[in-house]
Amino acid sequence: FNFDFFTTGTAIYWDRYIKENGHWLIRETRYERIYEIN
């Protein structure tokens, strides 16, 4: 709202996870938009 702007769309995430001390963590996260409307 402070820029009077709206974005909608979709994307595909590609993540890598690592398990440390019994818990999964996000080690890498990437996405690329399928479409974006501003």
PDB file of all heavy atoms in Angstrom:
ATOM      1  N   PHE A   1       0.802  -1.223   0.000  1.00  0.00           N
ATOM      2  CA  PHE A   1       0.000   0.000   0.000  1.00  0.00           C
ATOM      3  C   PHE A   1       0.834   1.273   0.000  1.00  0.00           C
ATOM      4  O   PHE A   1       0.430   2.272  -0.588  1.00  0.00           O
ATOM      5  CB  PHE A   1      -0.971  -0.003   1.181  1.00  0.00           C
ATOM      6  CG  PHE A   1      -1.963  -1.126   1.108  1.00  0.00           C
ATOM      7  CD1 PHE A   1      -2.033  -2.055   2.128  1.00  0.00           C
ATOM      8  CD2 PHE A   1      -2.804  -1.260   0.017  1.00  0.00           C
ATOM      9  CE1 PHE A   1      -2.939  -3.107   2.057  1.00  0.00           C
ATOM     10  CE2 PHE A   1      -3.716  -2.306  -0.063  1.00  0.00           C
ATOM     11  CZ  PHE A   1      -3.783  -3.231   0.958  1.00  0.00           C
ATOM     12  N   ASN A   2       2.002   1.253   0.630  1.00  0.00           N
ATOM     13  CA  ASN A   2       2.804   2.476   0.651  1.00  0.00           C
ATOM     14  C   ASN A   2       3.391   2.792  -0.729  1.00  0.00           C
ATOM     15  O   ASN A   2       3.874   3.898  -0.955  1.00  0.00           O
ATOM     16  CB  ASN A   2       3.887   2.420   1.728  1.00  0.00           C
ATOM     17  CG  ASN A   2       4.838   1.246   1.567  1.00  0.00           C
ATOM     18  OD1 ASN A   2       4.409   0.134   1.259  1.00  0.00           O
ATOM     19  ND2 ASN A   2       6.103   1.475   1.806  1.00  0.00           N
ATOM     20  N   PHE A   3       3.336   1.850  -1.657  1.00  0.00           N
ATOM     21  CA  PHE A   3       3.732   2.104  -3.044  1.00  0.00           C
ATOM     22  C   PHE A   3       2.548   1.956  -4.009  1.00  0.00           C
ATOM     23  O   PHE A   3       2.740   1.962  -5.223  1.00  0.00           O
ATOM     24  CB  PHE A   3       4.872   1.172  -3.476  1.00  0.00           C
ATOM     25  CG  PHE A   3       6.187   1.519  -2.840  1.00  0.00           C
ATOM     26  CD1 PHE A   3       6.723   0.699  -1.854  1.00  0.00           C
ATOM     27  CD2 PHE A   3       6.880   2.661  -3.215  1.00  0.00           C
ATOM     28  CE1 PHE A   3       7.932   1.015  -1.260  1.00  0.00           C
ATOM     29  CE2 PHE A   3       8.092   2.978  -2.626  1.00  0.00           C
ATOM     30  CZ  PHE A   3       8.625   2.163  -1.641  1.00  0.00           C
ATOM     31  N   ASP A   4       1.338   1.769  -3.472  1.00  0.00           N
ATOM     32  CA  ASP A   4       0.126   1.609  -4.294  1.00  0.00           C
ATOM     33  C   ASP A   4       0.329   0.569  -5.391  1.00  0.00           C
ATOM     34  O   ASP A   4       0.107   0.818  -6.571  1.00  0.00           O
ATOM     35  CB  ASP A   4      -0.285   2.961  -4.917  1.00  0.00           C
ATOM     36  CG  ASP A   4      -0.658   3.980  -3.872  1.00  0.00           C
ATOM     37  OD1 ASP A   4      -1.301   3.590  -2.879  1.00  0.00           O
ATOM     38  OD2 ASP A   4      -0.298   5.158  -4.037  1.00  0.00           O
ATOM     39  N   PHE A   5       0.733  -0.637  -4.956  1.00  0.00           N
ATOM     40  CA  PHE A   5       1.142  -1.660  -5.895  1.00  0.00           C
ATOM     41  C   PHE A   5       0.570  -3.017  -5.505  1.00  0.00           C
ATOM     42  O   PHE A   5       0.456  -3.341  -4.324  1.00  0.00           O
ATOM     43  CB  PHE A   5       2.677  -1.729  -5.887  1.00  0.00           C
ATOM     44  CG  PHE A   5       3.280  -2.264  -7.135  1.00  0.00           C
ATOM     45  CD1 PHE A   5       3.260  -1.522  -8.300  1.00  0.00           C
ATOM     46  CD2 PHE A   5       3.884  -3.512  -7.144  1.00  0.00           C
ATOM     47  CE1 PHE A   5       3.833  -2.017  -9.469  1.00  0.00           C
ATOM     48  CE2 PHE A   5       4.449  -4.009  -8.304  1.00  0.00           C
ATOM     49  CZ  PHE A   5       4.433  -3.265  -9.459  1.00  0.00           C
ATOM     50  N   PHE A   6       0.227  -3.830  -6.519  1.00  0.00           N
ATOM     51  CA  PHE A   6      -0.292  -5.184  -6.321  1.00  0.00           C
ATOM     52  C   PHE A   6       0.414  -6.120  -7.295  1.00  0.00           C
ATOM     53  O   PHE A   6       0.559  -5.812  -8.475  1.00  0.00           O
ATOM     54  CB  PHE A   6      -1.800  -5.225  -6.568  1.00  0.00           C
ATOM     55  CG  PHE A   6      -2.383  -6.607  -6.557  1.00  0.00           C
ATOM     56  CD1 PHE A   6      -2.492  -7.316  -5.375  1.00  0.00           C
ATOM     57  CD2 PHE A   6      -2.817  -7.202  -7.728  1.00  0.00           C
ATOM     58  CE1 PHE A   6      -3.032  -8.599  -5.357  1.00  0.00           C
ATOM     59  CE2 PHE A   6      -3.362  -8.481  -7.725  1.00  0.00           C
ATOM     60  CZ  PHE A   6      -3.462  -9.176  -6.533  1.00  0.00           C
ATOM     61  N   THR A   7       0.862  -7.254  -6.784  1.00  0.00           N
ATOM     62  CA  THR A   7       1.499  -8.290  -7.602  1.00  0.00           C
ATOM     63  C   THR A   7       0.796  -9.614  -7.348  1.00  0.00           C
ATOM     64  O   THR A   7       0.492  -9.948  -6.204  1.00  0.00           O
ATOM     65  CB  THR A   7       2.993  -8.436  -7.247  1.00  0.00           C
ATOM     66  OG1 THR A   7       3.658  -7.212  -7.505  1.00  0.00           O
ATOM     67  CG2 THR A   7       3.655  -9.540  -8.064  1.00  0.00           C
ATOM     68  N   THR A   8       0.564 -10.362  -8.413  1.00  0.00           N
ATOM     69  CA  THR A   8       0.043 -11.726  -8.288  1.00  0.00           C
ATOM     70  C   THR A   8       0.749 -12.591  -9.325  1.00  0.00           C
ATOM     71  O   THR A   8       1.266 -12.085 -10.325  1.00  0.00           O
ATOM     72  CB  THR A   8      -1.489 -11.782  -8.473  1.00  0.00           C
ATOM     73  OG1 THR A   8      -1.931 -13.115  -8.155  1.00  0.00           O
ATOM     74  CG2 THR A   8      -1.917 -11.436  -9.880  1.00  0.00           C
ATOM     75  N   GLY A   9       0.766 -13.886  -9.059  1.00  0.00           N
ATOM     76  CA  GLY A   9       1.389 -14.786 -10.022  1.00  0.00           C
ATOM     77  C   GLY A   9       1.612 -16.167  -9.456  1.00  0.00           C
ATOM     78  O   GLY A   9       1.070 -16.532  -8.404  1.00  0.00           O
ATOM     79  N   THR A  10       2.424 -16.908 -10.179  1.00  0.00           N
ATOM     80  CA  THR A  10       2.825 -18.241  -9.749  1.00  0.00           C
ATOM     81  C   THR A  10       4.319 -18.391 -10.001  1.00  0.00           C
ATOM     82  O   THR A  10       4.911 -17.630 -10.772  1.00  0.00           O
ATOM     83  CB  THR A  10       2.065 -19.350 -10.510  1.00  0.00           C
ATOM     84  OG1 THR A  10       2.385 -19.275 -11.897  1.00  0.00           O
ATOM     85  CG2 THR A  10       0.561 -19.244 -10.312  1.00  0.00           C
ATOM     86  N   ALA A  11       4.901 -19.366  -9.348  1.00  0.00           N
ATOM     87  CA  ALA A  11       6.326 -19.648  -9.518  1.00  0.00           C
ATOM     88  C   ALA A  11       6.566 -21.109  -9.153  1.00  0.00           C
ATOM     89  O   ALA A  11       5.739 -21.741  -8.491  1.00  0.00           O
ATOM     90  CB  ALA A  11       7.170 -18.738  -8.627  1.00  0.00           C
ATOM     91  N   ILE A  12       7.707 -21.595  -9.575  1.00  0.00           N
ATOM     92  CA  ILE A  12       8.161 -22.921  -9.152  1.00  0.00           C
ATOM     93  C   ILE A  12       9.364 -22.722  -8.243  1.00  0.00           C
ATOM     94  O   ILE A  12      10.323 -22.039  -8.594  1.00  0.00           O
ATOM     95  CB  ILE A  12       8.577 -23.803 -10.356  1.00  0.00           C
ATOM     96  CG1 ILE A  12       7.412 -23.973 -11.348  1.00  0.00           C
ATOM     97  CG2 ILE A  12       9.100 -25.163  -9.880  1.00  0.00           C
ATOM     98  CD1 ILE A  12       6.236 -24.753 -10.839  1.00  0.00           C
ATOM     99  N   TYR A  13       9.272 -23.298  -7.027  1.00  0.00           N
ATOM    100  CA  TYR A  13      10.390 -23.329  -6.078  1.00  0.00           C
ATOM    101  C   TYR A  13      11.183 -24.616  -6.271  1.00  0.00           C
ATOM    102  O   TYR A  13      10.596 -25.691  -6.429  1.00  0.00           O
ATOM    103  CB  TYR A  13       9.863 -23.370  -4.643  1.00  0.00           C
ATOM    104  CG  TYR A  13       9.650 -22.064  -3.951  1.00  0.00           C
ATOM    105  CD1 TYR A  13       8.417 -21.434  -3.996  1.00  0.00           C
ATOM    106  CD2 TYR A  13      10.667 -21.480  -3.195  1.00  0.00           C
ATOM    107  CE1 TYR A  13       8.190 -20.247  -3.308  1.00  0.00           C
ATOM    108  CE2 TYR A  13      10.447 -20.296  -2.511  1.00  0.00           C
ATOM    109  CZ  TYR A  13       9.218 -19.685  -2.577  1.00  0.00           C
ATOM    110  OH  TYR A  13       8.987 -18.519  -1.898  1.00  0.00           O
ATOM    111  N   TRP A  14      12.491 -24.495  -6.206  1.00  0.00           N
ATOM    112  CA  TRP A  14      13.398 -25.639  -6.133  1.00  0.00           C
ATOM    113  C   TRP A  14      14.194 -25.469  -4.852  1.00  0.00           C
ATOM    114  O   TRP A  14      14.949 -24.506  -4.709  1.00  0.00           O
ATOM    115  CB  TRP A  14      14.348 -25.692  -7.318  1.00  0.00           C
ATOM    116  CG  TRP A  14      13.668 -25.939  -8.629  1.00  0.00           C
ATOM    117  CD1 TRP A  14      13.377 -27.152  -9.191  1.00  0.00           C
ATOM    118  CD2 TRP A  14      13.205 -24.956  -9.568  1.00  0.00           C
ATOM    119  NE1 TRP A  14      12.749 -26.983 -10.400  1.00  0.00           N
ATOM    120  CE2 TRP A  14      12.633 -25.633 -10.660  1.00  0.00           C
ATOM    121  CE3 TRP A  14      13.206 -23.556  -9.588  1.00  0.00           C
ATOM    122  CZ2 TRP A  14      12.090 -24.988 -11.749  1.00  0.00           C
ATOM    123  CZ3 TRP A  14      12.660 -22.896 -10.671  1.00  0.00           C
ATOM    124  CH2 TRP A  14      12.110 -23.606 -11.726  1.00  0.00           C
ATOM    125  N   ASP A  15      14.007 -26.365  -3.902  1.00  0.00           N
ATOM    126  CA  ASP A  15      14.661 -26.277  -2.598  1.00  0.00           C
ATOM    127  C   ASP A  15      15.602 -27.448  -2.375  1.00  0.00           C
ATOM    128  O   ASP A  15      15.391 -28.545  -2.902  1.00  0.00           O
ATOM    129  CB  ASP A  15      13.616 -26.299  -1.470  1.00  0.00           C
ATOM    130  CG  ASP A  15      12.757 -25.052  -1.397  1.00  0.00           C
ATOM    131  OD1 ASP A  15      13.093 -24.038  -2.041  1.00  0.00           O
ATOM    132  OD2 ASP A  15      11.745 -25.102  -0.675  1.00  0.00           O
ATOM    133  N   ARG A  16      16.617 -27.192  -1.541  1.00  0.00           N
ATOM    134  CA  ARG A  16      17.482 -28.242  -0.999  1.00  0.00           C
ATOM    135  C   ARG A  16      17.360 -28.154   0.515  1.00  0.00           C
ATOM    136  O   ARG A  16      17.353 -27.064   1.075  1.00  0.00           O
ATOM    137  CB  ARG A  16      18.931 -28.070  -1.416  1.00  0.00           C
ATOM    138  CG  ARG A  16      19.132 -28.241  -2.917  1.00  0.00           C
ATOM    139  CD  ARG A  16      20.599 -28.340  -3.299  1.00  0.00           C
ATOM    140  NE  ARG A  16      21.212 -29.583  -2.873  1.00  0.00           N
ATOM    141  CZ  ARG A  16      21.065 -30.766  -3.466  1.00  0.00           C
ATOM    142  NH1 ARG A  16      20.285 -30.883  -4.514  1.00  0.00           N
ATOM    143  NH2 ARG A  16      21.685 -31.835  -3.015  1.00  0.00           N
ATOM    144  N   TYR A  17      17.274 -29.307   1.145  1.00  0.00           N
ATOM    145  CA  TYR A  17      17.114 -29.381   2.591  1.00  0.00           C
ATOM    146  C   TYR A  17      18.267 -30.183   3.185  1.00  0.00           C
ATOM    147  O   TYR A  17      18.800 -31.088   2.550  1.00  0.00           O
ATOM    148  CB  TYR A  17      15.796 -30.072   2.957  1.00  0.00           C
ATOM    149  CG  TYR A  17      14.597 -29.464   2.273  1.00  0.00           C
ATOM    150  CD1 TYR A  17      14.071 -30.032   1.120  1.00  0.00           C
ATOM    151  CD2 TYR A  17      14.007 -28.310   2.762  1.00  0.00           C
ATOM    152  CE1 TYR A  17      12.989 -29.476   0.472  1.00  0.00           C
ATOM    153  CE2 TYR A  17      12.912 -27.743   2.124  1.00  0.00           C
ATOM    154  CZ  TYR A  17      12.417 -28.326   0.980  1.00  0.00           C
ATOM    155  OH  TYR A  17      11.342 -27.763   0.335  1.00  0.00           O
ATOM    156  N   ILE A  18      18.597 -29.829   4.407  1.00  0.00           N
ATOM    157  CA  ILE A  18      19.610 -30.562   5.154  1.00  0.00           C
ATOM    158  C   ILE A  18      19.041 -30.850   6.539  1.00  0.00           C
ATOM    159  O   ILE A  18      18.330 -30.011   7.103  1.00  0.00           O
ATOM    160  CB  ILE A  18      20.941 -29.774   5.213  1.00  0.00           C
ATOM    161  CG1 ILE A  18      22.056 -30.630   5.774  1.00  0.00           C
ATOM    162  CG2 ILE A  18      20.786 -28.483   5.982  1.00  0.00           C
ATOM    163  CD1 ILE A  18      23.438 -30.054   5.518  1.00  0.00           C
ATOM    164  N   LYS A  19      19.342 -32.024   7.058  1.00  0.00           N
ATOM    165  CA  LYS A  19      18.844 -32.401   8.382  1.00  0.00           C
ATOM    166  C   LYS A  19      19.989 -32.248   9.383  1.00  0.00           C
ATOM    167  O   LYS A  19      21.040 -32.877   9.230  1.00  0.00           O
ATOM    168  CB  LYS A  19      18.337 -33.850   8.367  1.00  0.00           C
ATOM    169  CG  LYS A  19      17.524 -34.233   9.575  1.00  0.00           C
ATOM    170  CD  LYS A  19      16.962 -35.634   9.379  1.00  0.00           C
ATOM    171  CE  LYS A  19      15.903 -35.970  10.381  1.00  0.00           C
ATOM    172  NZ  LYS A  19      15.390 -37.349  10.140  1.00  0.00           N
ATOM    173  N   GLU A  20      19.764 -31.381  10.379  1.00  0.00           N
ATOM    174  CA  GLU A  20      20.750 -31.156  11.433  1.00  0.00           C
ATOM    175  C   GLU A  20      20.079 -31.333  12.785  1.00  0.00           C
ATOM    176  O   GLU A  20      18.995 -30.790  13.016  1.00  0.00           O
ATOM    177  CB  GLU A  20      21.340 -29.746  11.338  1.00  0.00           C
ATOM    178  CG  GLU A  20      22.262 -29.548  10.169  1.00  0.00           C
ATOM    179  CD  GLU A  20      22.955 -28.193  10.167  1.00  0.00           C
ATOM    180  OE1 GLU A  20      22.563 -27.313  10.975  1.00  0.00           O
ATOM    181  OE2 GLU A  20      23.866 -28.013   9.355  1.00  0.00           O
ATOM    182  N   ASN A  21      20.720 -32.092  13.651  1.00  0.00           N
ATOM    183  CA  ASN A  21      20.196 -32.318  15.011  1.00  0.00           C
ATOM    184  C   ASN A  21      18.745 -32.791  14.982  1.00  0.00           C
ATOM    185  O   ASN A  21      17.922 -32.372  15.800  1.00  0.00           O
ATOM    186  CB  ASN A  21      20.338 -31.057  15.867  1.00  0.00           C
ATOM    187  CG  ASN A  21      21.773 -30.594  15.978  1.00  0.00           C
ATOM    188  OD1 ASN A  21      22.675 -31.406  16.185  1.00  0.00           O
ATOM    189  ND2 ASN A  21      21.994 -29.304  15.831  1.00  0.00           N
ATOM    190  N   GLY A  22      18.417 -33.631  13.997  1.00  0.00           N
ATOM    191  CA  GLY A  22      17.090 -34.225  13.903  1.00  0.00           C
ATOM    192  C   GLY A  22      16.031 -33.343  13.266  1.00  0.00           C
ATOM    193  O   GLY A  22      14.871 -33.735  13.221  1.00  0.00           O
ATOM    194  N   HIS A  23      16.403 -32.137  12.763  1.00  0.00           N
ATOM    195  CA  HIS A  23      15.436 -31.210  12.173  1.00  0.00           C
ATOM    196  C   HIS A  23      15.846 -30.843  10.749  1.00  0.00           C
ATOM    197  O   HIS A  23      17.015 -30.548  10.492  1.00  0.00           O
ATOM    198  CB  HIS A  23      15.330 -29.923  13.006  1.00  0.00           C
ATOM    199  CG  HIS A  23      14.863 -30.168  14.397  1.00  0.00           C
ATOM    200  ND1 HIS A  23      13.548 -30.429  14.711  1.00  0.00           N
ATOM    201  CD2 HIS A  23      15.543 -30.204  15.565  1.00  0.00           C
ATOM    202  CE1 HIS A  23      13.435 -30.622  16.006  1.00  0.00           C
ATOM    203  NE2 HIS A  23      14.629 -30.483  16.554  1.00  0.00           N
ATOM    204  N   TRP A  24      14.870 -30.829   9.861  1.00  0.00           N
ATOM    205  CA  TRP A  24      15.108 -30.413   8.489  1.00  0.00           C
ATOM    206  C   TRP A  24      15.171 -28.894   8.417  1.00  0.00           C
ATOM    207  O   TRP A  24      14.374 -28.205   9.054  1.00  0.00           O
ATOM    208  CB  TRP A  24      14.017 -30.939   7.566  1.00  0.00           C
ATOM    209  CG  TRP A  24      14.132 -32.403   7.324  1.00  0.00           C
ATOM    210  CD1 TRP A  24      13.417 -33.395   7.933  1.00  0.00           C
ATOM    211  CD2 TRP A  24      15.038 -33.050   6.435  1.00  0.00           C
ATOM    212  NE1 TRP A  24      13.819 -34.614   7.472  1.00  0.00           N
ATOM    213  CE2 TRP A  24      14.818 -34.436   6.541  1.00  0.00           C
ATOM    214  CE3 TRP A  24      16.016 -32.604   5.551  1.00  0.00           C
ATOM    215  CZ2 TRP A  24      15.541 -35.372   5.806  1.00  0.00           C
ATOM    216  CZ3 TRP A  24      16.740 -33.528   4.811  1.00  0.00           C
ATOM    217  CH2 TRP A  24      16.487 -34.895   4.945  1.00  0.00           C
ATOM    218  N   LEU A  25      16.125 -28.376   7.642  1.00  0.00           N
ATOM    219  CA  LEU A  25      16.306 -26.947   7.423  1.00  0.00           C
ATOM    220  C   LEU A  25      16.375 -26.672   5.928  1.00  0.00           C
ATOM    221  O   LEU A  25      16.833 -27.524   5.151  1.00  0.00           O
ATOM    222  CB  LEU A  25      17.612 -26.456   8.052  1.00  0.00           C
ATOM    223  CG  LEU A  25      17.762 -26.632   9.556  1.00  0.00           C
ATOM    224  CD1 LEU A  25      19.187 -26.301   9.982  1.00  0.00           C
ATOM    225  CD2 LEU A  25      16.765 -25.762  10.293  1.00  0.00           C
ATOM    226  N   ILE A  26      15.969 -25.504   5.525  1.00  0.00           N
ATOM    227  CA  ILE A  26      16.107 -25.086   4.131  1.00  0.00           C
ATOM    228  C   ILE A  26      17.546 -24.624   3.930  1.00  0.00           C
ATOM    229  O   ILE A  26      17.993 -23.668   4.557  1.00  0.00           O
ATOM    230  CB  ILE A  26      15.102 -23.968   3.787  1.00  0.00           C
ATOM    231  CG1 ILE A  26      13.667 -24.459   3.988  1.00  0.00           C
ATOM    232  CG2 ILE A  26      15.325 -23.476   2.354  1.00  0.00           C
ATOM    233  CD1 ILE A  26      12.611 -23.356   3.935  1.00  0.00           C
ATOM    234  N   ARG A  27      18.270 -25.319   3.071  1.00  0.00           N
ATOM    235  CA  ARG A  27      19.680 -25.002   2.796  1.00  0.00           C
ATOM    236  C   ARG A  27      19.825 -24.119   1.559  1.00  0.00           C
ATOM    237  O   ARG A  27      20.720 -23.312   1.447  1.00  0.00           O
ATOM    238  CB  ARG A  27      20.477 -26.304   2.611  1.00  0.00           C
ATOM    239  CG  ARG A  27      21.927 -26.130   2.244  1.00  0.00           C
ATOM    240  CD  ARG A  27      22.678 -25.438   3.376  1.00  0.00           C
ATOM    241  NE  ARG A  27      24.067 -25.271   3.084  1.00  0.00           N
ATOM    242  CZ  ARG A  27      24.610 -24.195   2.501  1.00  0.00           C
ATOM    243  NH1 ARG A  27      23.849 -23.201   2.105  1.00  0.00           N
ATOM    244  NH2 ARG A  27      25.890 -24.104   2.311  1.00  0.00           N
ATOM    245  N   GLU A  28      18.896 -24.309   0.607  1.00  0.00           N
ATOM    246  CA  GLU A  28      18.886 -23.508  -0.621  1.00  0.00           C
ATOM    247  C   GLU A  28      17.442 -23.385  -1.075  1.00  0.00           C
ATOM    248  O   GLU A  28      16.691 -24.359  -1.034  1.00  0.00           O
ATOM    249  CB  GLU A  28      19.710 -24.193  -1.704  1.00  0.00           C
ATOM    250  CG  GLU A  28      19.778 -23.450  -3.004  1.00  0.00           C
ATOM    251  CD  GLU A  28      20.651 -24.155  -4.046  1.00  0.00           C
ATOM    252  OE1 GLU A  28      21.532 -24.955  -3.670  1.00  0.00           O
ATOM    253  OE2 GLU A  28      20.416 -23.909  -5.232  1.00  0.00           O
ATOM    254  N   THR A  29      17.060 -22.201  -1.501  1.00  0.00           N
ATOM    255  CA  THR A  29      15.714 -21.993  -2.023  1.00  0.00           C
ATOM    256  C   THR A  29      15.793 -21.078  -3.233  1.00  0.00           C
ATOM    257  O   THR A  29      16.414 -20.023  -3.179  1.00  0.00           O
ATOM    258  CB  THR A  29      14.737 -21.466  -0.944  1.00  0.00           C
ATOM    259  OG1 THR A  29      13.422 -21.389  -1.493  1.00  0.00           O
ATOM    260  CG2 THR A  29      15.145 -20.132  -0.371  1.00  0.00           C
ATOM    261  N   ARG A  30      15.215 -21.543  -4.322  1.00  0.00           N
ATOM    262  CA  ARG A  30      15.209 -20.778  -5.571  1.00  0.00           C
ATOM    263  C   ARG A  30      13.799 -20.817  -6.126  1.00  0.00           C
ATOM    264  O   ARG A  30      13.077 -21.782  -5.933  1.00  0.00           O
ATOM    265  CB  ARG A  30      16.133 -21.415  -6.617  1.00  0.00           C
ATOM    266  CG  ARG A  30      17.568 -21.522  -6.219  1.00  0.00           C
ATOM    267  CD  ARG A  30      18.429 -22.173  -7.309  1.00  0.00           C
ATOM    268  NE  ARG A  30      18.124 -23.594  -7.478  1.00  0.00           N
ATOM    269  CZ  ARG A  30      17.687 -24.162  -8.609  1.00  0.00           C
ATOM    270  NH1 ARG A  30      17.482 -23.447  -9.688  1.00  0.00           N
ATOM    271  NH2 ARG A  30      17.454 -25.448  -8.665  1.00  0.00           N
ATOM    272  N   TYR A  31      13.407 -19.750  -6.818  1.00  0.00           N
ATOM    273  CA  TYR A  31      12.194 -19.844  -7.611  1.00  0.00           C
ATOM    274  C   TYR A  31      12.335 -19.008  -8.864  1.00  0.00           C
ATOM    275  O   TYR A  31      13.148 -18.094  -8.946  1.00  0.00           O
ATOM    276  CB  TYR A  31      10.914 -19.513  -6.846  1.00  0.00           C
ATOM    277  CG  TYR A  31      10.604 -18.071  -6.521  1.00  0.00           C
ATOM    278  CD1 TYR A  31      10.485 -17.089  -7.514  1.00  0.00           C
ATOM    279  CD2 TYR A  31      10.354 -17.689  -5.216  1.00  0.00           C
ATOM    280  CE1 TYR A  31      10.153 -15.781  -7.205  1.00  0.00           C
ATOM    281  CE2 TYR A  31      10.023 -16.376  -4.901  1.00  0.00           C
ATOM    282  CZ  TYR A  31       9.923 -15.433  -5.895  1.00  0.00           C
ATOM    283  OH  TYR A  31       9.602 -14.136  -5.592  1.00  0.00           O
ATOM    284  N   GLU A  32      11.540 -19.387  -9.840  1.00  0.00           N
ATOM    285  CA  GLU A  32      11.396 -18.603 -11.061  1.00  0.00           C
ATOM    286  C   GLU A  32       9.909 -18.500 -11.349  1.00  0.00           C
ATOM    287  O   GLU A  32       9.161 -19.471 -11.228  1.00  0.00           O
ATOM    288  CB  GLU A  32      12.117 -19.252 -12.233  1.00  0.00           C
ATOM    289  CG  GLU A  32      12.110 -18.377 -13.470  1.00  0.00           C
ATOM    290  CD  GLU A  32      13.026 -18.864 -14.570  1.00  0.00           C
ATOM    291  OE1 GLU A  32      13.872 -19.742 -14.325  1.00  0.00           O
ATOM    292  OE2 GLU A  32      12.873 -18.366 -15.698  1.00  0.00           O
ATOM    293  N   ARG A  33       9.490 -17.307 -11.712  1.00  0.00           N
ATOM    294  CA  ARG A  33       8.077 -17.061 -11.981  1.00  0.00           C
ATOM    295  C   ARG A  33       7.606 -17.792 -13.232  1.00  0.00           C
ATOM    296  O   ARG A  33       8.293 -17.816 -14.244  1.00  0.00           O
ATOM    297  CB  ARG A  33       7.820 -15.565 -12.192  1.00  0.00           C
ATOM    298  CG  ARG A  33       7.879 -14.738 -10.943  1.00  0.00           C
ATOM    299  CD  ARG A  33       6.649 -14.953 -10.130  1.00  0.00           C
ATOM    300  NE  ARG A  33       6.554 -13.979  -9.058  1.00  0.00           N
ATOM    301  CZ  ARG A  33       5.563 -13.969  -8.199  1.00  0.00           C
ATOM    302  NH1 ARG A  33       4.573 -14.825  -8.299  1.00  0.00           N
ATOM    303  NH2 ARG A  33       5.526 -13.086  -7.247  1.00  0.00           N
ATOM    304  N   ILE A  34       6.409 -18.364 -13.148  1.00  0.00           N
ATOM    305  CA  ILE A  34       5.694 -18.875 -14.312  1.00  0.00           C
ATOM    306  C   ILE A  34       4.995 -17.691 -14.974  1.00  0.00           C
ATOM    307  O   ILE A  34       5.050 -17.517 -16.175  1.00  0.00           O
ATOM    308  CB  ILE A  34       4.664 -19.950 -13.910  1.00  0.00           C
ATOM    309  CG1 ILE A  34       5.355 -21.123 -13.214  1.00  0.00           C
ATOM    310  CG2 ILE A  34       3.858 -20.412 -15.114  1.00  0.00           C
ATOM    311  CD1 ILE A  34       6.376 -21.863 -14.057  1.00  0.00           C
ATOM    312  N   TYR A  35       4.334 -16.883 -14.144  1.00  0.00           N
ATOM    313  CA  TYR A  35       3.817 -15.597 -14.621  1.00  0.00           C
ATOM    314  C   TYR A  35       3.761 -14.645 -13.441  1.00  0.00           C
ATOM    315  O   TYR A  35       3.730 -15.057 -12.282  1.00  0.00           O
ATOM    316  CB  TYR A  35       2.445 -15.732 -15.305  1.00  0.00           C
ATOM    317  CG  TYR A  35       1.268 -15.893 -14.377  1.00  0.00           C
ATOM    318  CD1 TYR A  35       0.586 -14.788 -13.870  1.00  0.00           C
ATOM    319  CD2 TYR A  35       0.826 -17.162 -14.014  1.00  0.00           C
ATOM    320  CE1 TYR A  35      -0.497 -14.938 -13.029  1.00  0.00           C
ATOM    321  CE2 TYR A  35      -0.254 -17.319 -13.162  1.00  0.00           C
ATOM    322  CZ  TYR A  35      -0.906 -16.203 -12.674  1.00  0.00           C
ATOM    323  OH  TYR A  35      -1.981 -16.354 -11.831  1.00  0.00           O
ATOM    324  N   GLU A  36       3.780 -13.359 -13.767  1.00  0.00           N
ATOM    325  CA  GLU A  36       3.700 -12.309 -12.757  1.00  0.00           C
ATOM    326  C   GLU A  36       2.921 -11.146 -13.346  1.00  0.00           C
ATOM    327  O   GLU A  36       3.207 -10.715 -14.460  1.00  0.00           O
ATOM    328  CB  GLU A  36       5.110 -11.858 -12.375  1.00  0.00           C
ATOM    329  CG  GLU A  36       5.168 -10.747 -11.358  1.00  0.00           C
ATOM    330  CD  GLU A  36       6.607 -10.363 -11.050  1.00  0.00           C
ATOM    331  OE1 GLU A  36       7.272 -11.135 -10.333  1.00  0.00           O
ATOM    332  OE2 GLU A  36       7.061  -9.319 -11.549  1.00  0.00           O
ATOM    333  N   ILE A  37       1.934 -10.683 -12.606  1.00  0.00           N
ATOM    334  CA  ILE A  37       1.140  -9.523 -13.024  1.00  0.00           C
ATOM    335  C   ILE A  37       1.335  -8.438 -11.967  1.00  0.00           C
ATOM    336  O   ILE A  37       1.101  -8.681 -10.780  1.00  0.00           O
ATOM    337  CB  ILE A  37      -0.352  -9.884 -13.164  1.00  0.00           C
ATOM    338  CG1 ILE A  37      -0.543 -10.969 -14.222  1.00  0.00           C
ATOM    339  CG2 ILE A  37      -1.172  -8.641 -13.491  1.00  0.00           C
ATOM    340  CD1 ILE A  37      -1.943 -11.573 -14.256  1.00  0.00           C
ATOM    341  N   ASN A  38       1.772  -7.277 -12.407  1.00  0.00           N
ATOM    342  CA  ASN A  38       1.984  -6.134 -11.523  1.00  0.00           C
ATOM    343  C   ASN A  38       1.018  -5.038 -11.931  1.00  0.00           C
ATOM    344  O   ASN A  38       0.921  -4.710 -13.111  1.00  0.00           O
ATOM    345  CB  ASN A  38       3.422  -5.624 -11.635  1.00  0.00           C
ATOM    346  CG  ASN A  38       4.416  -6.668 -11.191  1.00  0.00           C
ATOM    347  OD1 ASN A  38       4.418  -7.067 -10.049  1.00  0.00           O
ATOM    348  ND2 ASN A  38       5.242  -7.127 -12.115  1.00  0.00           N
TER     349      ASN A  38
END
